[in-house]
Amino acid sequence: MDPQRVGEPESSTIEMLSLIEGHLNFPGFYMVLLGRNDELISVATIRIYDKRVAEVPLVGTRFQHRLLGMCRVLINMLEKVLKILGEERLVLPAVPGVLNTWTTSFGFKQINNCRTIISPRSYL
């Protein structure tokens, strides 16, 4: 399947956000790619369960683009697309080493003292 261009990030230095459907027999799994020219900057995997919950189990940014806000651009664009698709909640399982980053820098909130966190912009 060819990547689908799903939006224009606010930053003029980023050219596209692509949503690629999972291959084989994994319905509901997607890869979200943030890139400029032919260069991959940041990537996330996403699983859309239903209209209530979308989960992002993996997010990564290439080393040379870290600490430049690229992950923030990716997450912001992903949240906009999920809202358009009618998703109500974005959750993320966070390992202890980055839990603080997600809660303080991105505003995610921890659910019941476990390592799953929820986006502050969940739409309920």
PDB file of N, CA and C in Angstrom:
ATOM      1  N   MET A   1       0.831  -1.173   0.000  1.00  0.00           N
ATOM      2  CA  MET A   1       0.000   0.000   0.000  1.00  0.00           C
ATOM      3  C   MET A   1       0.882   1.245   0.000  1.00  0.00           C
ATOM      4  N   ASP A   2       0.523   2.207  -0.796  1.00  0.00           N
ATOM      5  CA  ASP A   2       1.264   3.454  -0.842  1.00  0.00           C
ATOM      6  C   ASP A   2       0.921   4.316   0.366  1.00  0.00           C
ATOM      7  N   PRO A   3       1.898   5.074   0.868  1.00  0.00           N
ATOM      8  CA  PRO A   3       1.608   5.975   1.987  1.00  0.00           C
ATOM      9  C   PRO A   3       0.539   6.986   1.601  1.00  0.00           C
ATOM     10  N   GLN A   4      -0.282   7.356   2.557  1.00  0.00           N
ATOM     11  CA  GLN A   4      -1.296   8.375   2.340  1.00  0.00           C
ATOM     12  C   GLN A   4      -0.859   9.647   3.035  1.00  0.00           C
ATOM     13  N   ARG A   5      -0.879  10.721   2.307  1.00  0.00           N
ATOM     14  CA  ARG A   5      -0.562  12.014   2.916  1.00  0.00           C
ATOM     15  C   ARG A   5      -1.809  12.463   3.666  1.00  0.00           C
ATOM     16  N   VAL A   6      -1.660  12.654   4.976  1.00  0.00           N
ATOM     17  CA  VAL A   6      -2.841  12.942   5.776  1.00  0.00           C
ATOM     18  C   VAL A   6      -2.850  14.332   6.378  1.00  0.00           C
ATOM     19  N   GLY A   7      -1.839  15.118   6.168  1.00  0.00           N
ATOM     20  CA  GLY A   7      -1.902  16.459   6.722  1.00  0.00           C
ATOM     21  C   GLY A   7      -0.612  17.220   6.553  1.00  0.00           C
ATOM     22  N   GLU A   8      -0.701  18.480   6.747  1.00  0.00           N
ATOM     23  CA  GLU A   8       0.454  19.360   6.698  1.00  0.00           C
ATOM     24  C   GLU A   8       0.799  19.808   8.108  1.00  0.00           C
ATOM     25  N   PRO A   9       1.956  19.459   8.611  1.00  0.00           N
ATOM     26  CA  PRO A   9       2.359  19.960   9.929  1.00  0.00           C
ATOM     27  C   PRO A   9       2.477  21.469   9.916  1.00  0.00           C
ATOM     28  N   GLU A  10       2.380  22.079  11.124  1.00  0.00           N
ATOM     29  CA  GLU A  10       2.454  23.527  11.217  1.00  0.00           C
ATOM     30  C   GLU A  10       3.836  24.050  10.841  1.00  0.00           C
ATOM     31  N   SER A  11       4.872  23.274  11.132  1.00  0.00           N
ATOM     32  CA  SER A  11       6.227  23.716  10.852  1.00  0.00           C
ATOM     33  C   SER A  11       6.480  23.684   9.353  1.00  0.00           C
ATOM     34  N   SER A  12       6.963  24.781   8.810  1.00  0.00           N
ATOM     35  CA  SER A  12       7.208  24.830   7.367  1.00  0.00           C
ATOM     36  C   SER A  12       8.402  23.972   6.968  1.00  0.00           C
ATOM     37  N   THR A  13       9.184  23.496   7.946  1.00  0.00           N
ATOM     38  CA  THR A  13      10.331  22.667   7.611  1.00  0.00           C
ATOM     39  C   THR A  13       9.953  21.199   7.444  1.00  0.00           C
ATOM     40  N   ILE A  14       8.747  20.835   7.849  1.00  0.00           N
ATOM     41  CA  ILE A  14       8.293  19.450   7.734  1.00  0.00           C
ATOM     42  C   ILE A  14       7.330  19.373   6.567  1.00  0.00           C
ATOM     43  N   GLU A  15       7.550  18.421   5.690  1.00  0.00           N
ATOM     44  CA  GLU A  15       6.745  18.363   4.490  1.00  0.00           C
ATOM     45  C   GLU A  15       5.550  17.439   4.565  1.00  0.00           C
ATOM     46  N   MET A  16       5.637  16.342   5.309  1.00  0.00           N
ATOM     47  CA  MET A  16       4.493  15.458   5.268  1.00  0.00           C
ATOM     48  C   MET A  16       4.402  14.552   6.475  1.00  0.00           C
ATOM     49  N   LEU A  17       3.190  14.148   6.725  1.00  0.00           N
ATOM     50  CA  LEU A  17       2.900  13.128   7.708  1.00  0.00           C
ATOM     51  C   LEU A  17       2.183  12.031   6.943  1.00  0.00           C
ATOM     52  N   SER A  18       2.715  10.816   6.985  1.00  0.00           N
ATOM     53  CA  SER A  18       2.121   9.718   6.236  1.00  0.00           C
ATOM     54  C   SER A  18       1.538   8.691   7.179  1.00  0.00           C
ATOM     55  N   LEU A  19       0.451   8.083   6.751  1.00  0.00           N
ATOM     56  CA  LEU A  19      -0.183   7.014   7.501  1.00  0.00           C
ATOM     57  C   LEU A  19      -0.158   5.779   6.617  1.00  0.00           C
ATOM     58  N   ILE A  20       0.528   4.739   7.072  1.00  0.00           N
ATOM     59  CA  ILE A  20       0.677   3.529   6.274  1.00  0.00           C
ATOM     60  C   ILE A  20      -0.018   2.393   6.999  1.00  0.00           C
ATOM     61  N   GLU A  21      -0.940   1.727   6.312  1.00  0.00           N
ATOM     62  CA  GLU A  21      -1.678   0.619   6.914  1.00  0.00           C
ATOM     63  C   GLU A  21      -0.775  -0.595   7.067  1.00  0.00           C
ATOM     64  N   GLY A  22      -0.982  -1.330   8.170  1.00  0.00           N
ATOM     65  CA  GLY A  22      -0.194  -2.533   8.430  1.00  0.00           C
ATOM     66  C   GLY A  22      -0.400  -3.592   7.362  1.00  0.00           C
ATOM     67  N   HIS A  23       0.633  -4.364   7.117  1.00  0.00           N
ATOM     68  CA  HIS A  23       0.565  -5.419   6.120  1.00  0.00           C
ATOM     69  C   HIS A  23       0.233  -6.741   6.789  1.00  0.00           C
ATOM     70  N   LEU A  24       0.096  -7.778   6.005  1.00  0.00           N
ATOM     71  CA  LEU A  24      -0.258  -9.110   6.465  1.00  0.00           C
ATOM     72  C   LEU A  24      -1.639  -9.080   7.101  1.00  0.00           C
ATOM     73  N   ASN A  25      -1.800  -9.754   8.211  1.00  0.00           N
ATOM     74  CA  ASN A  25      -3.119  -9.854   8.814  1.00  0.00           C
ATOM     75  C   ASN A  25      -3.153  -9.141  10.164  1.00  0.00           C
ATOM     76  N   PHE A  26      -2.875  -7.855  10.161  1.00  0.00           N
ATOM     77  CA  PHE A  26      -2.878  -7.062  11.384  1.00  0.00           C
ATOM     78  C   PHE A  26      -3.783  -5.849  11.206  1.00  0.00           C
ATOM     79  N   PRO A  27      -5.090  -6.072  11.157  1.00  0.00           N
ATOM     80  CA  PRO A  27      -5.995  -4.939  10.939  1.00  0.00           C
ATOM     81  C   PRO A  27      -5.935  -3.948  12.087  1.00  0.00           C
ATOM     82  N   GLY A  28      -6.007  -2.683  11.740  1.00  0.00           N
ATOM     83  CA  GLY A  28      -6.009  -1.634  12.740  1.00  0.00           C
ATOM     84  C   GLY A  28      -4.634  -1.128  13.126  1.00  0.00           C
ATOM     85  N   PHE A  29      -3.565  -1.762  12.628  1.00  0.00           N
ATOM     86  CA  PHE A  29      -2.204  -1.292  12.914  1.00  0.00           C
ATOM     87  C   PHE A  29      -1.735  -0.375  11.788  1.00  0.00           C
ATOM     88  N   TYR A  30      -1.120   0.731  12.172  1.00  0.00           N
ATOM     89  CA  TYR A  30      -0.618   1.695  11.208  1.00  0.00           C
ATOM     90  C   TYR A  30       0.745   2.208  11.650  1.00  0.00           C
ATOM     91  N   MET A  31       1.495   2.719  10.693  1.00  0.00           N
ATOM     92  CA  MET A  31       2.733   3.443  10.981  1.00  0.00           C
ATOM     93  C   MET A  31       2.499   4.888  10.585  1.00  0.00           C
ATOM     94  N   VAL A  32       2.938   5.788  11.425  1.00  0.00           N
ATOM     95  CA  VAL A  32       2.835   7.214  11.137  1.00  0.00           C
ATOM     96  C   VAL A  32       4.257   7.718  10.954  1.00  0.00           C
ATOM     97  N   LEU A  33       4.522   8.310   9.799  1.00  0.00           N
ATOM     98  CA  LEU A  33       5.873   8.753   9.462  1.00  0.00           C
ATOM     99  C   LEU A  33       5.893  10.266   9.281  1.00  0.00           C
ATOM    100  N   LEU A  34       6.853  10.903   9.894  1.00  0.00           N
ATOM    101  CA  LEU A  34       7.058  12.332   9.722  1.00  0.00           C
ATOM    102  C   LEU A  34       8.361  12.498   8.965  1.00  0.00           C
ATOM    103  N   GLY A  35       8.311  13.176   7.820  1.00  0.00           N
ATOM    104  CA  GLY A  35       9.514  13.282   7.010  1.00  0.00           C
ATOM    105  C   GLY A  35       9.662  14.613   6.315  1.00  0.00           C
ATOM    106  N   ARG A  36      10.873  14.823   5.802  1.00  0.00           N
ATOM    107  CA  ARG A  36      11.203  16.012   5.026  1.00  0.00           C
ATOM    108  C   ARG A  36      12.026  15.536   3.842  1.00  0.00           C
ATOM    109  N   ASN A  37      11.617  15.920   2.640  1.00  0.00           N
ATOM    110  CA  ASN A  37      12.234  15.410   1.415  1.00  0.00           C
ATOM    111  C   ASN A  37      12.189  13.895   1.466  1.00  0.00           C
ATOM    112  N   ASP A  38      13.294  13.214   1.333  1.00  0.00           N
ATOM    113  CA  ASP A  38      13.317  11.757   1.428  1.00  0.00           C
ATOM    114  C   ASP A  38      13.829  11.286   2.773  1.00  0.00           C
ATOM    115  N   GLU A  39      13.875  12.176   3.747  1.00  0.00           N
ATOM    116  CA  GLU A  39      14.454  11.853   5.039  1.00  0.00           C
ATOM    117  C   GLU A  39      13.361  11.560   6.071  1.00  0.00           C
ATOM    118  N   LEU A  40      13.475  10.418   6.723  1.00  0.00           N
ATOM    119  CA  LEU A  40      12.580  10.058   7.808  1.00  0.00           C
ATOM    120  C   LEU A  40      13.052  10.755   9.078  1.00  0.00           C
ATOM    121  N   ILE A  41      12.144  11.442   9.768  1.00  0.00           N
ATOM    122  CA  ILE A  41      12.500  12.187  10.969  1.00  0.00           C
ATOM    123  C   ILE A  41      11.996  11.491  12.223  1.00  0.00           C
ATOM    124  N   SER A  42      10.721  11.168  12.238  1.00  0.00           N
ATOM    125  CA  SER A  42      10.109  10.572  13.415  1.00  0.00           C
ATOM    126  C   SER A  42       9.060   9.570  12.951  1.00  0.00           C
ATOM    127  N   VAL A  43       8.824   8.540  13.770  1.00  0.00           N
ATOM    128  CA  VAL A  43       7.879   7.484  13.408  1.00  0.00           C
ATOM    129  C   VAL A  43       7.131   7.025  14.651  1.00  0.00           C
ATOM    130  N   ALA A  44       5.906   6.595  14.453  1.00  0.00           N
ATOM    131  CA  ALA A  44       5.116   6.010  15.534  1.00  0.00           C
ATOM    132  C   ALA A  44       4.311   4.853  14.962  1.00  0.00           C
ATOM    133  N   THR A  45       4.080   3.854  15.792  1.00  0.00           N
ATOM    134  CA  THR A  45       3.127   2.816  15.418  1.00  0.00           C
ATOM    135  C   THR A  45       1.848   3.120  16.177  1.00  0.00           C
ATOM    136  N   ILE A  46       0.742   2.812  15.558  1.00  0.00           N
ATOM    137  CA  ILE A  46      -0.550   3.095  16.177  1.00  0.00           C
ATOM    138  C   ILE A  46      -1.483   1.922  15.920  1.00  0.00           C
ATOM    139  N   ARG A  47      -2.275   1.618  16.907  1.00  0.00           N
ATOM    140  CA  ARG A  47      -3.317   0.607  16.759  1.00  0.00           C
ATOM    141  C   ARG A  47      -4.637   1.264  17.100  1.00  0.00           C
ATOM    142  N   ILE A  48      -5.542   1.215  16.150  1.00  0.00           N
ATOM    143  CA  ILE A  48      -6.874   1.764  16.351  1.00  0.00           C
ATOM    144  C   ILE A  48      -7.787   0.596  16.688  1.00  0.00           C
ATOM    145  N   TYR A  49      -8.259   0.582  17.927  1.00  0.00           N
ATOM    146  CA  TYR A  49      -9.115  -0.506  18.384  1.00  0.00           C
ATOM    147  C   TYR A  49     -10.544  -0.334  17.903  1.00  0.00           C
ATOM    148  N   ASP A  50     -11.093   0.828  18.112  1.00  0.00           N
ATOM    149  CA  ASP A  50     -12.451   1.166  17.725  1.00  0.00           C
ATOM    150  C   ASP A  50     -12.566   2.682  17.812  1.00  0.00           C
ATOM    151  N   LYS A  51     -13.761   3.211  17.841  1.00  0.00           N
ATOM    152  CA  LYS A  51     -13.927   4.666  17.910  1.00  0.00           C
ATOM    153  C   LYS A  51     -13.597   5.224  19.290  1.00  0.00           C
ATOM    154  N   ARG A  52     -13.333   4.340  20.246  1.00  0.00           N
ATOM    155  CA  ARG A  52     -13.077   4.817  21.602  1.00  0.00           C
ATOM    156  C   ARG A  52     -11.601   4.955  21.924  1.00  0.00           C
ATOM    157  N   VAL A  53     -10.760   4.056  21.397  1.00  0.00           N
ATOM    158  CA  VAL A  53      -9.362   4.027  21.830  1.00  0.00           C
ATOM    159  C   VAL A  53      -8.403   3.799  20.668  1.00  0.00           C
ATOM    160  N   ALA A  54      -7.359   4.621  20.634  1.00  0.00           N
ATOM    161  CA  ALA A  54      -6.211   4.407  19.754  1.00  0.00           C
ATOM    162  C   ALA A  54      -4.985   4.349  20.662  1.00  0.00           C
ATOM    163  N   GLU A  55      -4.093   3.405  20.382  1.00  0.00           N
ATOM    164  CA  GLU A  55      -2.908   3.207  21.217  1.00  0.00           C
ATOM    165  C   GLU A  55      -1.646   3.440  20.398  1.00  0.00           C
ATOM    166  N   VAL A  56      -0.682   4.103  20.999  1.00  0.00           N
ATOM    167  CA  VAL A  56       0.620   4.325  20.372  1.00  0.00           C
ATOM    168  C   VAL A  56       1.668   3.583  21.195  1.00  0.00           C
ATOM    169  N   PRO A  57       1.995   2.331  20.806  1.00  0.00           N
ATOM    170  CA  PRO A  57       2.959   1.567  21.596  1.00  0.00           C
ATOM    171  C   PRO A  57       4.419   1.932  21.339  1.00  0.00           C
ATOM    172  N   LEU A  58       4.709   2.614  20.240  1.00  0.00           N
ATOM    173  CA  LEU A  58       6.093   2.929  19.914  1.00  0.00           C
ATOM    174  C   LEU A  58       6.187   4.285  19.224  1.00  0.00           C
ATOM    175  N   VAL A  59       7.100   5.110  19.711  1.00  0.00           N
ATOM    176  CA  VAL A  59       7.401   6.405  19.086  1.00  0.00           C
ATOM    177  C   VAL A  59       8.914   6.547  19.060  1.00  0.00           C
ATOM    178  N   GLY A  60       9.444   6.980  17.941  1.00  0.00           N
ATOM    179  CA  GLY A  60      10.886   7.183  17.864  1.00  0.00           C
ATOM    180  C   GLY A  60      11.237   8.342  16.952  1.00  0.00           C
ATOM    181  N   THR A  61      12.314   9.027  17.307  1.00  0.00           N
ATOM    182  CA  THR A  61      12.836  10.125  16.496  1.00  0.00           C
ATOM    183  C   THR A  61      14.305   9.851  16.224  1.00  0.00           C
ATOM    184  N   ARG A  62      14.729  10.069  14.996  1.00  0.00           N
ATOM    185  CA  ARG A  62      16.136   9.864  14.651  1.00  0.00           C
ATOM    186  C   ARG A  62      17.018  10.746  15.517  1.00  0.00           C
ATOM    187  N   PHE A  63      18.162  10.225  15.868  1.00  0.00           N
ATOM    188  CA  PHE A  63      19.059  10.874  16.825  1.00  0.00           C
ATOM    189  C   PHE A  63      19.342  12.333  16.474  1.00  0.00           C
ATOM    190  N   GLN A  64      19.642  12.614  15.218  1.00  0.00           N
ATOM    191  CA  GLN A  64      20.023  13.980  14.841  1.00  0.00           C
ATOM    192  C   GLN A  64      18.849  14.963  14.908  1.00  0.00           C
ATOM    193  N   HIS A  65      17.618  14.456  15.077  1.00  0.00           N
ATOM    194  CA  HIS A  65      16.446  15.324  15.161  1.00  0.00           C
ATOM    195  C   HIS A  65      15.872  15.394  16.578  1.00  0.00           C
ATOM    196  N   ARG A  66      16.492  14.723  17.519  1.00  0.00           N
ATOM    197  CA  ARG A  66      15.993  14.744  18.896  1.00  0.00           C
ATOM    198  C   ARG A  66      16.202  16.116  19.525  1.00  0.00           C
ATOM    199  N   LEU A  67      15.324  16.436  20.456  1.00  0.00           N
ATOM    200  CA  LEU A  67      15.335  17.698  21.201  1.00  0.00           C
ATOM    201  C   LEU A  67      15.064  18.910  20.304  1.00  0.00           C
ATOM    202  N   LEU A  68      14.441  18.677  19.157  1.00  0.00           N
ATOM    203  CA  LEU A  68      14.077  19.771  18.242  1.00  0.00           C
ATOM    204  C   LEU A  68      12.565  19.922  18.109  1.00  0.00           C
ATOM    205  N   GLY A  69      11.797  19.151  18.897  1.00  0.00           N
ATOM    206  CA  GLY A  69      10.342  19.240  18.858  1.00  0.00           C
ATOM    207  C   GLY A  69       9.680  18.390  17.793  1.00  0.00           C
ATOM    208  N   MET A  70      10.424  17.501  17.158  1.00  0.00           N
ATOM    209  CA  MET A  70       9.856  16.694  16.081  1.00  0.00           C
ATOM    210  C   MET A  70       8.831  15.679  16.592  1.00  0.00           C
ATOM    211  N   CYS A  71       9.084  15.102  17.755  1.00  0.00           N
ATOM    212  CA  CYS A  71       8.116  14.173  18.336  1.00  0.00           C
ATOM    213  C   CYS A  71       6.828  14.917  18.670  1.00  0.00           C
ATOM    214  N   ARG A  72       6.953  16.127  19.140  1.00  0.00           N
ATOM    215  CA  ARG A  72       5.786  16.965  19.443  1.00  0.00           C
ATOM    216  C   ARG A  72       4.980  17.225  18.173  1.00  0.00           C
ATOM    217  N   VAL A  73       5.663  17.538  17.068  1.00  0.00           N
ATOM    218  CA  VAL A  73       4.978  17.760  15.790  1.00  0.00           C
ATOM    219  C   VAL A  73       4.232  16.495  15.381  1.00  0.00           C
ATOM    220  N   LEU A  74       4.889  15.346  15.494  1.00  0.00           N
ATOM    221  CA  LEU A  74       4.276  14.067  15.123  1.00  0.00           C
ATOM    222  C   LEU A  74       3.036  13.792  15.977  1.00  0.00           C
ATOM    223  N   ILE A  75       3.151  13.924  17.292  1.00  0.00           N
ATOM    224  CA  ILE A  75       2.021  13.646  18.184  1.00  0.00           C
ATOM    225  C   ILE A  75       0.881  14.631  17.945  1.00  0.00           C
ATOM    226  N   ASN A  76       1.195  15.911  17.765  1.00  0.00           N
ATOM    227  CA  ASN A  76       0.146  16.907  17.495  1.00  0.00           C
ATOM    228  C   ASN A  76      -0.613  16.579  16.210  1.00  0.00           C
ATOM    229  N   MET A  77       0.104  16.234  15.163  1.00  0.00           N
ATOM    230  CA  MET A  77      -0.547  15.886  13.897  1.00  0.00           C
ATOM    231  C   MET A  77      -1.355  14.598  14.037  1.00  0.00           C
ATOM    232  N   LEU A  78      -0.814  13.625  14.745  1.00  0.00           N
ATOM    233  CA  LEU A  78      -1.525  12.369  14.957  1.00  0.00           C
ATOM    234  C   LEU A  78      -2.832  12.619  15.708  1.00  0.00           C
ATOM    235  N   GLU A  79      -2.796  13.457  16.723  1.00  0.00           N
ATOM    236  CA  GLU A  79      -4.012  13.764  17.474  1.00  0.00           C
ATOM    237  C   GLU A  79      -5.053  14.455  16.594  1.00  0.00           C
ATOM    238  N   LYS A  80      -4.621  15.332  15.709  1.00  0.00           N
ATOM    239  CA  LYS A  80      -5.557  15.991  14.795  1.00  0.00           C
ATOM    240  C   LYS A  80      -6.219  14.977  13.866  1.00  0.00           C
ATOM    241  N   VAL A  81      -5.422  14.053  13.330  1.00  0.00           N
ATOM    242  CA  VAL A  81      -5.965  13.033  12.429  1.00  0.00           C
ATOM    243  C   VAL A  81      -6.932  12.129  13.185  1.00  0.00           C
ATOM    244  N   LEU A  82      -6.569  11.727  14.406  1.00  0.00           N
ATOM    245  CA  LEU A  82      -7.449  10.867  15.195  1.00  0.00           C
ATOM    246  C   LEU A  82      -8.766  11.566  15.510  1.00  0.00           C
ATOM    247  N   LYS A  83      -8.705  12.849  15.767  1.00  0.00           N
ATOM    248  CA  LYS A  83      -9.938  13.597  16.033  1.00  0.00           C
ATOM    249  C   LYS A  83     -10.833  13.599  14.795  1.00  0.00           C
ATOM    250  N   ILE A  84     -10.238  13.811  13.632  1.00  0.00           N
ATOM    251  CA  ILE A  84     -10.997  13.793  12.378  1.00  0.00           C
ATOM    252  C   ILE A  84     -11.623  12.418  12.158  1.00  0.00           C
ATOM    253  N   LEU A  85     -10.903  11.359  12.526  1.00  0.00           N
ATOM    254  CA  LEU A  85     -11.409   9.993  12.362  1.00  0.00           C
ATOM    255  C   LEU A  85     -12.452   9.623  13.414  1.00  0.00           C
ATOM    256  N   GLY A  86     -12.650  10.497  14.401  1.00  0.00           N
ATOM    257  CA  GLY A  86     -13.661  10.251  15.418  1.00  0.00           C
ATOM    258  C   GLY A  86     -13.164   9.473  16.627  1.00  0.00           C
ATOM    259  N   GLU A  87     -11.862   9.325  16.765  1.00  0.00           N
ATOM    260  CA  GLU A  87     -11.315   8.620  17.924  1.00  0.00           C
ATOM    261  C   GLU A  87     -11.512   9.466  19.175  1.00  0.00           C
ATOM    262  N   GLU A  88     -11.794   8.807  20.296  1.00  0.00           N
ATOM    263  CA  GLU A  88     -12.059   9.524  21.538  1.00  0.00           C
ATOM    264  C   GLU A  88     -10.852   9.619  22.452  1.00  0.00           C
ATOM    265  N   ARG A  89     -10.007   8.588  22.465  1.00  0.00           N
ATOM    266  CA  ARG A  89      -8.881   8.565  23.396  1.00  0.00           C
ATOM    267  C   ARG A  89      -7.614   8.071  22.714  1.00  0.00           C
ATOM    268  N   LEU A  90      -6.517   8.695  23.085  1.00  0.00           N
ATOM    269  CA  LEU A  90      -5.195   8.249  22.667  1.00  0.00           C
ATOM    270  C   LEU A  90      -4.442   7.821  23.917  1.00  0.00           C
ATOM    271  N   VAL A  91      -4.047   6.551  23.965  1.00  0.00           N
ATOM    272  CA  VAL A  91      -3.310   6.049  25.116  1.00  0.00           C
ATOM    273  C   VAL A  91      -1.935   5.588  24.665  1.00  0.00           C
ATOM    274  N   LEU A  92      -1.027   5.550  25.620  1.00  0.00           N
ATOM    275  CA  LEU A  92       0.355   5.213  25.326  1.00  0.00           C
ATOM    276  C   LEU A  92       0.934   4.430  26.502  1.00  0.00           C
ATOM    277  N   PRO A  93       1.425   3.204  26.279  1.00  0.00           N
ATOM    278  CA  PRO A  93       2.102   2.489  27.358  1.00  0.00           C
ATOM    279  C   PRO A  93       3.524   3.028  27.471  1.00  0.00           C
ATOM    280  N   ALA A  94       3.878   3.567  28.616  1.00  0.00           N
ATOM    281  CA  ALA A  94       5.186   4.211  28.771  1.00  0.00           C
ATOM    282  C   ALA A  94       6.070   3.419  29.724  1.00  0.00           C
ATOM    283  N   VAL A  95       7.303   3.190  29.321  1.00  0.00           N
ATOM    284  CA  VAL A  95       8.271   2.552  30.215  1.00  0.00           C
ATOM    285  C   VAL A  95       8.680   3.565  31.275  1.00  0.00           C
ATOM    286  N   PRO A  96       9.085   3.095  32.458  1.00  0.00           N
ATOM    287  CA  PRO A  96       9.401   4.018  33.555  1.00  0.00           C
ATOM    288  C   PRO A  96      10.409   5.105  33.194  1.00  0.00           C
ATOM    289  N   GLY A  97      11.372   4.811  32.337  1.00  0.00           N
ATOM    290  CA  GLY A  97      12.402   5.781  31.994  1.00  0.00           C
ATOM    291  C   GLY A  97      11.910   7.000  31.237  1.00  0.00           C
ATOM    292  N   VAL A  98      10.763   6.901  30.568  1.00  0.00           N
ATOM    293  CA  VAL A  98      10.239   8.041  29.803  1.00  0.00           C
ATOM    294  C   VAL A  98       8.866   8.488  30.275  1.00  0.00           C
ATOM    295  N   LEU A  99       8.339   7.864  31.297  1.00  0.00           N
ATOM    296  CA  LEU A  99       7.026   8.235  31.822  1.00  0.00           C
ATOM    297  C   LEU A  99       6.983   9.707  32.209  1.00  0.00           C
ATOM    298  N   ASN A 100       8.022  10.187  32.863  1.00  0.00           N
ATOM    299  CA  ASN A 100       8.087  11.583  33.271  1.00  0.00           C
ATOM    300  C   ASN A 100       8.090  12.528  32.071  1.00  0.00           C
ATOM    301  N   THR A 101       8.767  12.162  31.006  1.00  0.00           N
ATOM    302  CA  THR A 101       8.783  13.000  29.797  1.00  0.00           C
ATOM    303  C   THR A 101       7.389  13.142  29.219  1.00  0.00           C
ATOM    304  N   TRP A 102       6.657  12.027  29.111  1.00  0.00           N
ATOM    305  CA  TRP A 102       5.306  12.073  28.550  1.00  0.00           C
ATOM    306  C   TRP A 102       4.356  12.873  29.424  1.00  0.00           C
ATOM    307  N   THR A 103       4.504  12.769  30.743  1.00  0.00           N
ATOM    308  CA  THR A 103       3.568  13.472  31.622  1.00  0.00           C
ATOM    309  C   THR A 103       3.923  14.951  31.787  1.00  0.00           C
ATOM    310  N   THR A 104       5.206  15.286  31.852  1.00  0.00           N
ATOM    311  CA  THR A 104       5.568  16.696  32.058  1.00  0.00           C
ATOM    312  C   THR A 104       5.691  17.474  30.752  1.00  0.00           C
ATOM    313  N   SER A 105       6.337  16.911  29.745  1.00  0.00           N
ATOM    314  CA  SER A 105       6.558  17.643  28.488  1.00  0.00           C
ATOM    315  C   SER A 105       5.371  17.594  27.544  1.00  0.00           C
ATOM    316  N   PHE A 106       4.634  16.482  27.539  1.00  0.00           N
ATOM    317  CA  PHE A 106       3.535  16.319  26.596  1.00  0.00           C
ATOM    318  C   PHE A 106       2.164  16.449  27.256  1.00  0.00           C
ATOM    319  N   GLY A 107       2.122  16.459  28.592  1.00  0.00           N
ATOM    320  CA  GLY A 107       0.857  16.644  29.288  1.00  0.00           C
ATOM    321  C   GLY A 107      -0.004  15.407  29.418  1.00  0.00           C
ATOM    322  N   PHE A 108       0.535  14.228  29.068  1.00  0.00           N
ATOM    323  CA  PHE A 108      -0.232  13.004  29.237  1.00  0.00           C
ATOM    324  C   PHE A 108      -0.485  12.776  30.719  1.00  0.00           C
ATOM    325  N   LYS A 109      -1.550  12.063  31.032  1.00  0.00           N
ATOM    326  CA  LYS A 109      -1.893  11.780  32.414  1.00  0.00           C
ATOM    327  C   LYS A 109      -1.856  10.277  32.656  1.00  0.00           C
ATOM    328  N   GLN A 110      -1.288   9.899  33.801  1.00  0.00           N
ATOM    329  CA  GLN A 110      -1.168   8.494  34.162  1.00  0.00           C
ATOM    330  C   GLN A 110      -2.533   7.946  34.565  1.00  0.00           C
ATOM    331  N   ILE A 111      -2.815   6.716  34.162  1.00  0.00           N
ATOM    332  CA  ILE A 111      -4.079   6.066  34.481  1.00  0.00           C
ATOM    333  C   ILE A 111      -3.866   5.108  35.650  1.00  0.00           C
ATOM    334  N   ASN A 112      -4.506   5.369  36.757  1.00  0.00           N
ATOM    335  CA  ASN A 112      -4.511   4.457  37.915  1.00  0.00           C
ATOM    336  C   ASN A 112      -3.143   3.923  38.315  1.00  0.00           C
ATOM    337  N   ASN A 113      -2.152   4.784  38.395  1.00  0.00           N
ATOM    338  CA  ASN A 113      -0.808   4.404  38.842  1.00  0.00           C
ATOM    339  C   ASN A 113      -0.179   3.259  38.040  1.00  0.00           C
ATOM    340  N   CYS A 114      -0.612   3.054  36.831  1.00  0.00           N
ATOM    341  CA  CYS A 114       0.044   2.055  35.982  1.00  0.00           C
ATOM    342  C   CYS A 114       0.875   2.790  34.939  1.00  0.00           C
ATOM    343  N   ARG A 115       1.530   2.063  34.058  1.00  0.00           N
ATOM    344  CA  ARG A 115       2.406   2.698  33.076  1.00  0.00           C
ATOM    345  C   ARG A 115       1.672   3.123  31.814  1.00  0.00           C
ATOM    346  N   THR A 116       0.353   3.028  31.800  1.00  0.00           N
ATOM    347  CA  THR A 116      -0.415   3.507  30.664  1.00  0.00           C
ATOM    348  C   THR A 116      -0.808   4.948  30.937  1.00  0.00           C
ATOM    349  N   ILE A 117      -0.621   5.788  29.932  1.00  0.00           N
ATOM    350  CA  ILE A 117      -0.951   7.200  30.081  1.00  0.00           C
ATOM    351  C   ILE A 117      -1.925   7.607  28.986  1.00  0.00           C
ATOM    352  N   ILE A 118      -2.651   8.674  29.229  1.00  0.00           N
ATOM    353  CA  ILE A 118      -3.676   9.132  28.282  1.00  0.00           C
ATOM    354  C   ILE A 118      -3.408  10.576  27.880  1.00  0.00           C
ATOM    355  N   SER A 119      -3.658  10.868  26.638  1.00  0.00           N
ATOM    356  CA  SER A 119      -3.439  12.211  26.113  1.00  0.00           C
ATOM    357  C   SER A 119      -4.358  13.220  26.796  1.00  0.00           C
ATOM    358  N   PRO A 120      -3.852  14.412  27.077  1.00  0.00           N
ATOM    359  CA  PRO A 120      -4.699  15.442  27.678  1.00  0.00           C
ATOM    360  C   PRO A 120      -5.754  15.946  26.700  1.00  0.00           C
ATOM    361  N   ARG A 121      -5.569  15.650  25.429  1.00  0.00           N
ATOM    362  CA  ARG A 121      -6.510  16.098  24.418  1.00  0.00           C
ATOM    363  C   ARG A 121      -7.439  14.973  23.990  1.00  0.00           C
ATOM    364  N   SER A 122      -7.603  13.973  24.855  1.00  0.00           N
ATOM    365  CA  SER A 122      -8.586  12.936  24.546  1.00  0.00           C
ATOM    366  C   SER A 122      -9.951  13.597  24.493  1.00  0.00           C
ATOM    367  N   TYR A 123     -10.803  13.102  23.651  1.00  0.00           N
ATOM    368  CA  TYR A 123     -11.975  13.871  23.234  1.00  0.00           C
ATOM    369  C   TYR A 123     -13.267  13.483  23.922  1.00  0.00           C
ATOM    370  N   LEU A 124     -13.184  12.903  25.117  1.00  0.00           N
ATOM    371  CA  LEU A 124     -14.406  12.592  25.863  1.00  0.00           C
ATOM    372  C   LEU A 124     -14.885  13.786  26.637  1.00  0.00           C
TER     373      LEU A 124
END
